[in-house]
Amino acid sequence: MLEYDWENSVGYWVCMTSVAMRRALTSELSAQNITLRQWEVLVCIVLEGELSQADVADRLGIEAPTLVGILDRMERDGWIERVGCPDDRRRKRIRTTEKSALVWNRMAECAHRVREKATRGFHPEELQQLKSLCERLRNNLALDAGDVSPAGAVAEPSAVVGGV
C-alpha cells in the first residue's frame, strides 16, 4: 500500500481547495455559457494588459495549441482580438474588445458569488491572514525556482481563480 502523510500535506490542502474553487466557478460560469478557460484568459489580460499568445499560455500553464482553440472561439464571439506585435510580426498579441465588457460583468458576478460562498463564516482578519499565507507559500516556492519579478511579486500562472 502506498502511504503518505496527507493530513500534513500543504500541497494537498492547497490543491484540493483549488479544485473545489475551480469546480464552483465552473458551475457558475457554465450557467452563463462561459467556460473557466475563457474567464482565465480574460482575467490574464485584464490584470496584465495586452499579452502575446505565448505569454497567456505560459501564465495559464496550458499548451499553446490548447489556447489557440479557446482564443479562436473568443475572437469569433467578439470578446478578444489578435493584433500583430510591433517587435515581431510572427507573434500575436491579445486584447479585449468592448463586447468583452458585457461578458466580463457577468463573469465577475459569478466570481463574487463563489467568493461569498467560499468565505462564508470567515472574519476579515482571517481572510487577510489566508492571503498572506498563500503569498508566502508562492514566494517560498518561487525563490527556489528563481521566479520572482523585480517588484517581488511571484509570477502567477494560475492567479485566475484568484479573482474569485
C-alpha atoms as a PDB file:
ATOM      1  CA  MET A   1       0.000   0.000   0.000  1.00  0.00           C
ATOM      2  CA  LEU A   2       1.315   3.445  -0.883  1.00  0.00           C
ATOM      3  CA  GLU A   3       1.368   5.765   2.091  1.00  0.00           C
ATOM      4  CA  TYR A   4       1.811   9.479   2.500  1.00  0.00           C
ATOM      5  CA  ASP A   5       1.166  11.933   5.317  1.00  0.00           C
ATOM      6  CA  TRP A   6      -1.865  13.591   3.642  1.00  0.00           C
ATOM      7  CA  GLU A   7      -3.124  15.254   6.828  1.00  0.00           C
ATOM      8  CA  ASN A   8       0.041  17.367   6.940  1.00  0.00           C
ATOM      9  CA  SER A   9       0.472  17.903   3.200  1.00  0.00           C
ATOM     10  CA  VAL A  10       0.265  21.622   2.469  1.00  0.00           C
ATOM     11  CA  GLY A  11       0.296  20.828  -1.250  1.00  0.00           C
ATOM     12  CA  TYR A  12      -2.698  18.538  -0.858  1.00  0.00           C
ATOM     13  CA  TRP A  13      -4.643  21.174   1.123  1.00  0.00           C
ATOM     14  CA  VAL A  14      -3.942  23.856  -1.466  1.00  0.00           C
ATOM     15  CA  CYS A  15      -4.633  21.619  -4.485  1.00  0.00           C
ATOM     16  CA  MET A  16      -7.911  20.248  -3.130  1.00  0.00           C
ATOM     17  CA  THR A  17      -9.017  23.779  -2.257  1.00  0.00           C
ATOM     18  CA  SER A  18      -8.131  24.907  -5.772  1.00  0.00           C
ATOM     19  CA  VAL A  19     -10.105  22.010  -7.254  1.00  0.00           C
ATOM     20  CA  ALA A  20     -13.154  22.947  -5.159  1.00  0.00           C
ATOM     21  CA  MET A  21     -12.879  26.625  -6.146  1.00  0.00           C
ATOM     22  CA  ARG A  22     -12.493  25.757  -9.838  1.00  0.00           C
ATOM     23  CA  ARG A  23     -15.487  23.422  -9.736  1.00  0.00           C
ATOM     24  CA  ALA A  24     -17.677  26.036  -8.072  1.00  0.00           C
ATOM     25  CA  LEU A  25     -16.608  28.730 -10.542  1.00  0.00           C
ATOM     26  CA  THR A  26     -17.044  26.366 -13.495  1.00  0.00           C
ATOM     27  CA  SER A  27     -20.588  25.658 -12.348  1.00  0.00           C
ATOM     28  CA  GLU A  28     -21.415  29.372 -12.017  1.00  0.00           C
ATOM     29  CA  LEU A  29     -19.857  30.287 -15.355  1.00  0.00           C
ATOM     30  CA  SER A  30     -21.425  27.405 -17.272  1.00  0.00           C
ATOM     31  CA  ALA A  31     -24.874  28.717 -16.332  1.00  0.00           C
ATOM     32  CA  GLN A  32     -23.832  31.825 -18.318  1.00  0.00           C
ATOM     33  CA  ASN A  33     -22.450  29.745 -21.245  1.00  0.00           C
ATOM     34  CA  ILE A  34     -18.921  30.789 -20.342  1.00  0.00           C
ATOM     35  CA  THR A  35     -16.007  28.403 -19.782  1.00  0.00           C
ATOM     36  CA  LEU A  36     -13.494  28.605 -16.977  1.00  0.00           C
ATOM     37  CA  ARG A  37     -10.691  28.911 -19.564  1.00  0.00           C
ATOM     38  CA  GLN A  38     -12.396  31.908 -21.162  1.00  0.00           C
ATOM     39  CA  TRP A  39     -12.592  33.508 -17.723  1.00  0.00           C
ATOM     40  CA  GLU A  40      -8.928  32.744 -17.141  1.00  0.00           C
ATOM     41  CA  VAL A  41      -7.883  34.307 -20.452  1.00  0.00           C
ATOM     42  CA  LEU A  42      -9.826  37.491 -19.763  1.00  0.00           C
ATOM     43  CA  VAL A  43      -8.511  37.712 -16.195  1.00  0.00           C
ATOM     44  CA  CYS A  44      -4.956  37.419 -17.530  1.00  0.00           C
ATOM     45  CA  ILE A  45      -5.482  40.250 -19.988  1.00  0.00           C
ATOM     46  CA  VAL A  46      -7.419  42.428 -17.540  1.00  0.00           C
ATOM     47  CA  LEU A  47      -4.729  42.030 -14.862  1.00  0.00           C
ATOM     48  CA  GLU A  48      -1.691  42.445 -17.096  1.00  0.00           C
ATOM     49  CA  GLY A  49      -2.890  44.247 -20.206  1.00  0.00           C
ATOM     50  CA  GLU A  50      -2.295  43.200 -23.783  1.00  0.00           C
ATOM     51  CA  LEU A  51      -0.269  39.963 -23.875  1.00  0.00           C
ATOM     52  CA  SER A  52       1.143  37.671 -26.539  1.00  0.00           C
ATOM     53  CA  GLN A  53      -0.499  34.298 -27.049  1.00  0.00           C
ATOM     54  CA  ALA A  54       2.661  32.638 -25.704  1.00  0.00           C
ATOM     55  CA  ASP A  55       2.551  34.788 -22.552  1.00  0.00           C
ATOM     56  CA  VAL A  56      -1.103  33.928 -21.933  1.00  0.00           C
ATOM     57  CA  ALA A  57      -0.388  30.198 -22.402  1.00  0.00           C
ATOM     58  CA  ASP A  58       2.562  30.424 -20.020  1.00  0.00           C
ATOM     59  CA  ARG A  59       0.613  32.276 -17.333  1.00  0.00           C
ATOM     60  CA  LEU A  60      -2.284  29.828 -17.541  1.00  0.00           C
ATOM     61  CA  GLY A  61       0.030  26.818 -17.576  1.00  0.00           C
ATOM     62  CA  ILE A  62      -1.516  25.378 -20.742  1.00  0.00           C
ATOM     63  CA  GLU A  63      -0.115  24.323 -24.079  1.00  0.00           C
ATOM     64  CA  ALA A  64      -0.220  26.864 -26.907  1.00  0.00           C
ATOM     65  CA  PRO A  65      -2.372  24.626 -29.178  1.00  0.00           C
ATOM     66  CA  THR A  66      -4.972  24.326 -26.410  1.00  0.00           C
ATOM     67  CA  LEU A  67      -5.029  28.089 -26.016  1.00  0.00           C
ATOM     68  CA  VAL A  68      -5.472  28.645 -29.766  1.00  0.00           C
ATOM     69  CA  GLY A  69      -8.842  26.890 -29.733  1.00  0.00           C
ATOM     70  CA  ILE A  70     -10.016  28.959 -26.769  1.00  0.00           C
ATOM     71  CA  LEU A  71      -8.847  32.184 -28.413  1.00  0.00           C
ATOM     72  CA  ASP A  72     -10.469  31.228 -31.721  1.00  0.00           C
ATOM     73  CA  ARG A  73     -13.854  30.901 -30.010  1.00  0.00           C
ATOM     74  CA  MET A  74     -13.364  34.103 -28.021  1.00  0.00           C
ATOM     75  CA  GLU A  75     -12.385  36.006 -31.156  1.00  0.00           C
ATOM     76  CA  ARG A  76     -15.336  34.538 -33.077  1.00  0.00           C
ATOM     77  CA  ASP A  77     -17.649  35.733 -30.279  1.00  0.00           C
ATOM     78  CA  GLY A  78     -16.070  39.201 -30.378  1.00  0.00           C
ATOM     79  CA  TRP A  79     -14.555  39.114 -26.857  1.00  0.00           C
ATOM     80  CA  ILE A  80     -10.931  39.483 -27.903  1.00  0.00           C
ATOM     81  CA  GLU A  81      -8.908  40.483 -30.908  1.00  0.00           C
ATOM     82  CA  ARG A  82      -5.484  39.383 -32.038  1.00  0.00           C
ATOM     83  CA  VAL A  83      -3.187  42.103 -33.243  1.00  0.00           C
ATOM     84  CA  GLY A  84       0.303  41.979 -34.659  1.00  0.00           C
ATOM     85  CA  CYS A  85       3.222  42.511 -32.334  1.00  0.00           C
ATOM     86  CA  PRO A  86       5.221  45.588 -33.377  1.00  0.00           C
ATOM     87  CA  ASP A  87       8.524  43.891 -32.457  1.00  0.00           C
ATOM     88  CA  ASP A  88       7.848  40.524 -34.091  1.00  0.00           C
ATOM     89  CA  ARG A  89       5.411  40.052 -36.961  1.00  0.00           C
ATOM     90  CA  ARG A  90       5.135  36.324 -36.177  1.00  0.00           C
ATOM     91  CA  ARG A  91       3.691  36.975 -32.729  1.00  0.00           C
ATOM     92  CA  LYS A  92       0.120  37.935 -31.989  1.00  0.00           C
ATOM     93  CA  ARG A  93      -0.956  39.982 -29.009  1.00  0.00           C
ATOM     94  CA  ILE A  94      -4.344  39.529 -27.376  1.00  0.00           C
ATOM     95  CA  ARG A  95      -6.525  42.403 -26.266  1.00  0.00           C
ATOM     96  CA  THR A  96     -10.087  42.635 -25.033  1.00  0.00           C
ATOM     97  CA  THR A  97     -12.830  44.290 -27.050  1.00  0.00           C
ATOM     98  CA  GLU A  98     -15.723  46.479 -25.993  1.00  0.00           C
ATOM     99  CA  LYS A  99     -18.011  43.458 -26.323  1.00  0.00           C
ATOM    100  CA  SER A 100     -15.994  41.606 -23.668  1.00  0.00           C
ATOM    101  CA  ALA A 101     -17.015  44.216 -21.073  1.00  0.00           C
ATOM    102  CA  LEU A 102     -20.589  42.900 -21.156  1.00  0.00           C
ATOM    103  CA  VAL A 103     -19.387  39.336 -20.669  1.00  0.00           C
ATOM    104  CA  TRP A 104     -16.851  40.435 -18.063  1.00  0.00           C
ATOM    105  CA  ASN A 105     -19.554  41.835 -15.797  1.00  0.00           C
ATOM    106  CA  ARG A 106     -21.417  38.506 -15.846  1.00  0.00           C
ATOM    107  CA  MET A 107     -18.170  36.647 -15.164  1.00  0.00           C
ATOM    108  CA  ALA A 108     -17.304  38.925 -12.251  1.00  0.00           C
ATOM    109  CA  GLU A 109     -20.748  38.364 -10.741  1.00  0.00           C
ATOM    110  CA  CYS A 110     -20.121  34.599 -10.920  1.00  0.00           C
ATOM    111  CA  ALA A 111     -16.739  35.015  -9.237  1.00  0.00           C
ATOM    112  CA  HIS A 112     -18.255  37.167  -6.498  1.00  0.00           C
ATOM    113  CA  ARG A 113     -20.912  34.520  -5.775  1.00  0.00           C
ATOM    114  CA  VAL A 114     -18.242  31.825  -5.487  1.00  0.00           C
ATOM    115  CA  ARG A 115     -16.090  34.051  -3.266  1.00  0.00           C
ATOM    116  CA  GLU A 116     -19.049  34.764  -0.971  1.00  0.00           C
ATOM    117  CA  LYS A 117     -19.860  31.055  -0.698  1.00  0.00           C
ATOM    118  CA  ALA A 118     -16.236  30.034  -0.117  1.00  0.00           C
ATOM    119  CA  THR A 119     -15.547  32.672   2.532  1.00  0.00           C
ATOM    120  CA  ARG A 120     -18.818  32.323   4.429  1.00  0.00           C
ATOM    121  CA  GLY A 121     -18.083  32.493   8.154  1.00  0.00           C
ATOM    122  CA  PHE A 122     -14.592  33.949   7.759  1.00  0.00           C
ATOM    123  CA  HIS A 123     -13.664  37.154   9.542  1.00  0.00           C
ATOM    124  CA  PRO A 124     -11.833  39.831   7.513  1.00  0.00           C
ATOM    125  CA  GLU A 125      -8.702  39.217   9.601  1.00  0.00           C
ATOM    126  CA  GLU A 126      -8.788  35.517   8.728  1.00  0.00           C
ATOM    127  CA  LEU A 127      -9.096  36.295   5.035  1.00  0.00           C
ATOM    128  CA  GLN A 128      -6.143  38.674   5.241  1.00  0.00           C
ATOM    129  CA  GLN A 129      -4.141  36.004   7.033  1.00  0.00           C
ATOM    130  CA  LEU A 130      -5.094  33.410   4.399  1.00  0.00           C
ATOM    131  CA  LYS A 131      -3.997  35.787   1.645  1.00  0.00           C
ATOM    132  CA  SER A 132      -0.716  36.449   3.419  1.00  0.00           C
ATOM    133  CA  LEU A 133      -0.033  32.753   3.988  1.00  0.00           C
ATOM    134  CA  CYS A 134      -0.751  31.874   0.348  1.00  0.00           C
ATOM    135  CA  GLU A 135       1.549  34.689  -0.805  1.00  0.00           C
ATOM    136  CA  ARG A 136       4.292  33.352   1.458  1.00  0.00           C
ATOM    137  CA  LEU A 137       3.871  29.835   0.057  1.00  0.00           C
ATOM    138  CA  ARG A 138       4.119  31.134  -3.512  1.00  0.00           C
ATOM    139  CA  ASN A 139       7.094  33.350  -2.698  1.00  0.00           C
ATOM    140  CA  ASN A 140       8.928  30.492  -0.982  1.00  0.00           C
ATOM    141  CA  LEU A 141       8.413  28.254  -3.994  1.00  0.00           C
ATOM    142  CA  ALA A 142       9.293  30.999  -6.475  1.00  0.00           C
ATOM    143  CA  LEU A 143      12.514  31.820  -4.656  1.00  0.00           C
ATOM    144  CA  ASP A 144      13.669  28.237  -5.125  1.00  0.00           C
ATOM    145  CA  ALA A 145      12.654  28.345  -8.782  1.00  0.00           C
ATOM    146  CA  GLY A 146      14.095  31.821  -9.327  1.00  0.00           C
ATOM    147  CA  ASP A 147      10.673  33.004 -10.489  1.00  0.00           C
ATOM    148  CA  VAL A 148      10.215  36.312  -8.658  1.00  0.00           C
ATOM    149  CA  SER A 149       9.555  39.543 -10.514  1.00  0.00           C
ATOM    150  CA  PRO A 150      11.577  42.689  -9.780  1.00  0.00           C
ATOM    151  CA  ALA A 151       8.770  44.035  -7.582  1.00  0.00           C
ATOM    152  CA  GLY A 152       8.910  40.865  -5.500  1.00  0.00           C
ATOM    153  CA  ALA A 153       5.606  39.548  -6.769  1.00  0.00           C
ATOM    154  CA  VAL A 154       5.510  35.930  -7.814  1.00  0.00           C
ATOM    155  CA  ALA A 155       4.730  35.115 -11.413  1.00  0.00           C
ATOM    156  CA  GLU A 156       1.290  33.616 -11.022  1.00  0.00           C
ATOM    157  CA  PRO A 157       0.358  31.013 -13.667  1.00  0.00           C
ATOM    158  CA  SER A 158      -2.993  30.279 -12.059  1.00  0.00           C
ATOM    159  CA  ALA A 159      -3.895  33.591 -10.496  1.00  0.00           C
ATOM    160  CA  VAL A 160      -7.020  33.273 -12.452  1.00  0.00           C
ATOM    161  CA  VAL A 161      -9.115  31.619  -9.839  1.00  0.00           C
ATOM    162  CA  GLY A 162      -7.601  34.190  -7.519  1.00  0.00           C
ATOM    163  CA  GLY A 163     -10.195  36.549  -8.946  1.00  0.00           C
ATOM    164  CA  VAL A 164     -12.775  34.562  -7.053  1.00  0.00           C
END
